Amino acid sequence: MAKIWFTRSDVPPDPTDLKGDKDPLWCLENLGTLKFWSPLDKPPRISGKESLIPPENRNYEFVVVEISNEDNGDLKPGFYLSSVTPKDAWEKLQS
């Protein structure tokens, strides 16, 4: 299963940001383009524009998909950045 995280600039995903588990094929079909970002041993930290609002108080900006070592199909294990917005991903997860 792939883990689907929502995250913000300059903050790595934490357990409260996990929004669902889906089959990697579901992610490929529903979460737009998935761009490899980092290996599993390096959780992603996406730099963003400067803001006076602390990162933990910002709205979600990115959808990150974590592909594990097992049952990953054609995707290599690691973290992938999705091309869809958190709002769009949430709607797909709820349907």
Protein backbone atom coordinates (compact mmCIF):
# COMPACT_ATOMS: atom_id res chain seq x y z
CA MET A 1 0.00 0.00 0.00
CA ALA A 2 1.04 3.57 -0.65
CA LYS A 3 0.71 6.20 2.06
CA ILE A 4 -0.76 9.56 1.06
CA TRP A 5 0.45 12.57 3.01
CA PHE A 6 -0.51 16.25 2.87
CA THR A 7 2.31 18.60 3.78
CA ARG A 8 3.43 22.21 3.89
CA SER A 9 6.58 24.05 2.77
CA ASP A 10 9.62 23.54 4.97
CA VAL A 11 7.97 20.87 7.14
CA PRO A 12 8.51 17.12 6.66
CA PRO A 13 5.34 14.98 6.89
CA ASP A 14 4.43 13.85 10.40
CA PRO A 15 1.89 11.22 11.54
CA THR A 16 -0.97 13.74 11.71
CA ASP A 17 -0.45 14.55 8.01
CA LEU A 18 -1.19 10.97 6.85
CA LYS A 19 -4.51 11.06 4.98
CA GLY A 20 -4.87 7.55 3.62
CA ASP A 21 -3.47 4.28 2.32
CA LYS A 22 -4.18 3.23 -1.25
CA ASP A 23 -2.84 0.79 -3.80
CA PRO A 24 0.00 2.35 -5.85
CA LEU A 25 -2.05 1.82 -9.03
CA TRP A 26 -4.91 3.88 -7.49
CA CYS A 27 -2.40 6.67 -6.82
CA LEU A 28 -1.16 6.60 -10.41
CA GLU A 29 -4.74 6.75 -11.73
CA ASN A 30 -6.09 9.40 -9.32
CA LEU A 31 -3.29 11.65 -8.09
CA GLY A 32 -1.99 13.07 -11.36
CA THR A 33 1.67 12.93 -12.25
CA LEU A 34 3.88 11.48 -9.53
CA LYS A 35 7.43 12.87 -9.56
CA PHE A 36 10.09 10.99 -7.59
CA TRP A 37 11.31 13.28 -4.82
CA SER A 38 13.46 11.32 -2.36
CA PRO A 39 14.32 7.81 -1.15
CA LEU A 40 12.51 6.30 1.84
CA ASP A 41 15.36 7.10 4.24
CA LYS A 42 15.06 10.86 3.47
CA PRO A 43 11.53 12.17 4.17
CA PRO A 44 10.79 15.07 1.81
CA ARG A 45 11.16 18.65 2.89
CA ILE A 46 9.84 20.96 0.19
CA SER A 47 11.19 24.50 0.34
CA GLY A 48 8.72 27.26 -0.28
CA LYS A 49 8.44 30.99 -0.29
CA GLU A 50 9.18 32.90 2.87
CA SER A 51 6.24 33.63 5.13
CA LEU A 52 5.66 35.24 8.49
CA ILE A 53 3.29 32.40 9.37
CA PRO A 54 5.04 29.49 11.09
CA PRO A 55 5.09 26.40 8.82
CA GLU A 56 2.97 24.31 11.20
CA ASN A 57 0.16 26.91 11.00
CA ARG A 58 0.04 27.11 7.19
CA ASN A 59 -2.53 25.37 5.01
CA TYR A 60 -1.53 22.15 3.29
CA GLU A 61 0.23 22.85 0.00
CA PHE A 62 1.46 19.50 -1.33
CA VAL A 63 0.42 15.88 -1.74
CA VAL A 64 3.22 13.38 -1.13
CA VAL A 65 2.89 9.67 -1.88
CA GLU A 66 5.12 7.21 -0.02
CA ILE A 67 5.78 3.99 -1.91
CA SER A 68 7.11 1.19 0.31
CA ASN A 69 9.45 -1.63 -0.64
CA GLU A 70 6.66 -4.17 -1.16
CA ASP A 71 3.77 -4.17 -3.66
CA ASN A 72 5.02 -1.10 -5.47
CA GLY A 73 4.38 -2.14 -9.07
CA ASP A 74 6.53 -0.13 -11.47
CA LEU A 75 7.36 2.62 -8.96
CA LYS A 76 10.64 2.47 -7.09
CA PRO A 77 10.38 2.83 -3.30
CA GLY A 78 10.49 6.42 -2.08
CA PHE A 79 8.54 9.64 -1.76
CA TYR A 80 6.74 11.14 -4.76
CA LEU A 81 5.31 14.62 -5.23
CA SER A 82 1.83 14.58 -6.76
CA SER A 83 0.68 17.17 -9.29
CA VAL A 84 -2.79 17.50 -7.70
CA THR A 85 -3.73 19.87 -4.89
CA PRO A 86 -4.52 18.61 -1.38
CA LYS A 87 -8.17 19.63 -1.94
CA ASP A 88 -8.43 17.54 -5.11
CA ALA A 89 -6.66 14.60 -3.50
CA TRP A 90 -9.00 14.76 -0.48
CA GLU A 91 -12.04 14.64 -2.76
CA LYS A 92 -10.64 11.57 -4.55
CA LEU A 93 -9.87 9.89 -1.23
CA GLN A 94 -13.46 10.44 -0.06
CA SER A 95 -15.11 8.99 -3.19
